[in-house]
Amino acid sequence: MEKINPKSSTKRFSVNQTCVDHTFKFEKTKKELKCKPIVSPEQGIKRTIQYFEINPQKLLLSN
């Protein structure tokens, strides 16, 4: 028998997060927080990628 309304494993939070704009404006952040970054955004991305290449178990790939 087919269920009409099966329970979903998708959480409301997860659905909401797919609809939220997670874009950060680097220049706006510098201006509003009056801070000087330690690394450039490009270097930060490189470091993040390197970290997860070394520590793949830290990736959140499932619920």
N, C-alpha and C. Protein backbone atom coordinates (compact mmCIF):
# COMPACT_ATOMS: atom_id res chain seq x y z
N MET A 1 0.84 -1.18 0.00
CA MET A 1 0.00 0.00 0.00
C MET A 1 0.89 1.24 0.00
N GLU A 2 0.63 2.18 -0.87
CA GLU A 2 1.42 3.42 -0.97
C GLU A 2 0.97 4.43 0.06
N LYS A 3 1.94 5.05 0.70
CA LYS A 3 1.62 6.07 1.69
C LYS A 3 1.32 7.39 0.98
N ILE A 4 0.32 8.09 1.45
CA ILE A 4 -0.04 9.37 0.85
C ILE A 4 0.91 10.47 1.35
N ASN A 5 1.26 10.41 2.62
CA ASN A 5 2.10 11.45 3.20
C ASN A 5 3.23 10.79 4.00
N PRO A 6 4.23 10.23 3.30
CA PRO A 6 5.31 9.56 4.03
C PRO A 6 6.16 10.56 4.81
N LYS A 7 6.72 10.09 5.91
CA LYS A 7 7.60 10.96 6.70
C LYS A 7 8.88 11.21 5.90
N SER A 8 9.32 12.44 5.93
CA SER A 8 10.53 12.82 5.22
C SER A 8 11.68 12.90 6.21
N SER A 9 12.88 12.57 5.75
CA SER A 9 14.05 12.71 6.62
C SER A 9 14.61 14.14 6.53
N THR A 10 14.04 14.96 5.66
CA THR A 10 14.49 16.34 5.52
C THR A 10 13.91 17.17 6.65
N LYS A 11 14.78 17.90 7.30
CA LYS A 11 14.36 18.74 8.43
C LYS A 11 14.00 20.14 7.94
N ARG A 12 13.11 20.78 8.65
CA ARG A 12 12.67 22.14 8.30
C ARG A 12 13.87 23.09 8.24
N PHE A 13 14.81 22.96 9.17
CA PHE A 13 16.00 23.80 9.18
C PHE A 13 16.77 23.65 7.87
N SER A 14 16.95 22.42 7.41
CA SER A 14 17.70 22.16 6.17
C SER A 14 17.02 22.81 4.98
N VAL A 15 15.72 22.72 4.91
CA VAL A 15 14.98 23.33 3.81
C VAL A 15 15.14 24.84 3.87
N ASN A 16 15.02 25.41 5.06
CA ASN A 16 15.16 26.85 5.23
C ASN A 16 16.55 27.32 4.79
N GLN A 17 17.57 26.58 5.16
CA GLN A 17 18.94 26.98 4.83
C GLN A 17 19.21 26.97 3.33
N THR A 18 18.50 26.16 2.58
CA THR A 18 18.69 26.16 1.12
C THR A 18 18.10 27.41 0.49
N CYS A 19 17.23 28.10 1.22
CA CYS A 19 16.56 29.29 0.70
C CYS A 19 17.21 30.59 1.18
N VAL A 20 18.16 30.51 2.07
CA VAL A 20 18.80 31.69 2.64
C VAL A 20 20.05 32.05 1.83
N ASP A 21 20.22 33.33 1.57
CA ASP A 21 21.41 33.80 0.87
C ASP A 21 22.58 33.84 1.86
N HIS A 22 23.57 33.01 1.64
CA HIS A 22 24.73 32.95 2.53
C HIS A 22 25.94 33.67 1.93
N THR A 23 25.67 34.70 1.14
CA THR A 23 26.75 35.46 0.53
C THR A 23 27.22 36.53 1.51
N PHE A 24 28.52 36.60 1.71
CA PHE A 24 29.08 37.58 2.61
C PHE A 24 29.87 38.60 1.80
N LYS A 25 29.66 39.84 2.09
CA LYS A 25 30.32 40.93 1.40
C LYS A 25 31.59 41.29 2.17
N PHE A 26 32.74 40.94 1.59
CA PHE A 26 34.02 41.13 2.27
C PHE A 26 34.28 42.60 2.57
N GLU A 27 34.08 43.47 1.59
CA GLU A 27 34.34 44.90 1.80
C GLU A 27 33.40 45.49 2.86
N LYS A 28 32.15 45.08 2.83
CA LYS A 28 31.18 45.57 3.81
C LYS A 28 31.57 45.12 5.21
N THR A 29 32.04 43.89 5.32
CA THR A 29 32.46 43.36 6.62
C THR A 29 33.65 44.16 7.15
N LYS A 30 34.64 44.43 6.29
CA LYS A 30 35.80 45.21 6.72
C LYS A 30 35.37 46.60 7.20
N LYS A 31 34.45 47.22 6.46
CA LYS A 31 34.00 48.56 6.79
C LYS A 31 33.21 48.59 8.10
N GLU A 32 32.24 47.69 8.23
CA GLU A 32 31.36 47.71 9.40
C GLU A 32 32.05 47.23 10.67
N LEU A 33 32.93 46.25 10.56
CA LEU A 33 33.59 45.71 11.74
C LEU A 33 34.93 46.40 12.02
N LYS A 34 35.35 47.24 11.06
CA LYS A 34 36.62 47.96 11.20
C LYS A 34 37.76 47.01 11.58
N CYS A 35 37.87 45.96 10.80
CA CYS A 35 38.90 44.98 11.09
C CYS A 35 39.78 44.76 9.86
N LYS A 36 40.96 44.28 10.10
CA LYS A 36 41.88 43.95 9.02
C LYS A 36 42.01 42.43 9.01
N PRO A 37 41.68 41.78 7.90
CA PRO A 37 41.74 40.32 7.86
C PRO A 37 43.18 39.81 7.97
N ILE A 38 43.32 38.66 8.58
CA ILE A 38 44.64 38.02 8.72
C ILE A 38 45.07 37.41 7.39
N VAL A 39 44.12 36.83 6.67
CA VAL A 39 44.39 36.25 5.35
C VAL A 39 43.35 36.78 4.37
N SER A 40 43.70 36.74 3.09
CA SER A 40 42.77 37.17 2.06
C SER A 40 41.67 36.13 1.89
N PRO A 41 40.54 36.51 1.31
CA PRO A 41 39.48 35.51 1.07
C PRO A 41 40.00 34.34 0.23
N GLU A 42 40.84 34.64 -0.76
CA GLU A 42 41.38 33.58 -1.61
C GLU A 42 42.23 32.61 -0.80
N GLN A 43 43.09 33.16 0.06
CA GLN A 43 43.94 32.31 0.90
C GLN A 43 43.09 31.52 1.90
N GLY A 44 42.02 32.13 2.40
CA GLY A 44 41.12 31.43 3.31
C GLY A 44 40.46 30.23 2.66
N ILE A 45 40.04 30.40 1.41
CA ILE A 45 39.43 29.29 0.66
C ILE A 45 40.45 28.18 0.45
N LYS A 46 41.67 28.55 0.06
CA LYS A 46 42.73 27.55 -0.15
C LYS A 46 42.99 26.77 1.14
N ARG A 47 43.09 27.49 2.25
CA ARG A 47 43.35 26.82 3.53
C ARG A 47 42.20 25.90 3.93
N THR A 48 40.98 26.34 3.66
CA THR A 48 39.82 25.51 3.99
C THR A 48 39.83 24.22 3.17
N ILE A 49 40.09 24.34 1.88
CA ILE A 49 40.15 23.15 1.01
C ILE A 49 41.25 22.20 1.48
N GLN A 50 42.43 22.75 1.78
CA GLN A 50 43.54 21.92 2.26
C GLN A 50 43.17 21.20 3.55
N TYR A 51 42.51 21.91 4.46
CA TYR A 51 42.11 21.30 5.73
C TYR A 51 41.21 20.09 5.50
N PHE A 52 40.19 20.26 4.65
CA PHE A 52 39.26 19.16 4.43
C PHE A 52 39.86 18.04 3.58
N GLU A 53 40.88 18.35 2.79
CA GLU A 53 41.58 17.28 2.08
C GLU A 53 42.36 16.42 3.08
N ILE A 54 42.92 17.05 4.09
CA ILE A 54 43.68 16.33 5.11
C ILE A 54 42.75 15.67 6.13
N ASN A 55 41.58 16.27 6.39
CA ASN A 55 40.64 15.79 7.41
C ASN A 55 39.26 15.52 6.82
N PRO A 56 39.13 14.57 5.89
CA PRO A 56 37.83 14.35 5.25
C PRO A 56 36.75 13.90 6.22
N GLN A 57 37.14 13.32 7.34
CA GLN A 57 36.15 12.87 8.33
C GLN A 57 35.41 14.04 8.97
N LYS A 58 35.94 15.25 8.83
CA LYS A 58 35.31 16.44 9.41
C LYS A 58 34.17 16.99 8.54
N LEU A 59 34.07 16.52 7.30
CA LEU A 59 33.00 16.97 6.42
C LEU A 59 31.67 16.46 6.92
N LEU A 60 30.66 17.30 6.90
CA LEU A 60 29.30 16.90 7.29
C LEU A 60 28.54 16.51 6.05
N LEU A 61 28.62 15.25 5.68
CA LEU A 61 27.99 14.80 4.44
C LEU A 61 26.64 14.14 4.67
N SER A 62 26.28 13.90 5.90
CA SER A 62 24.99 13.27 6.18
C SER A 62 24.34 13.96 7.36
N ASN A 63 23.06 13.60 7.61
CA ASN A 63 22.30 14.24 8.70
C ASN A 63 22.97 14.01 10.02
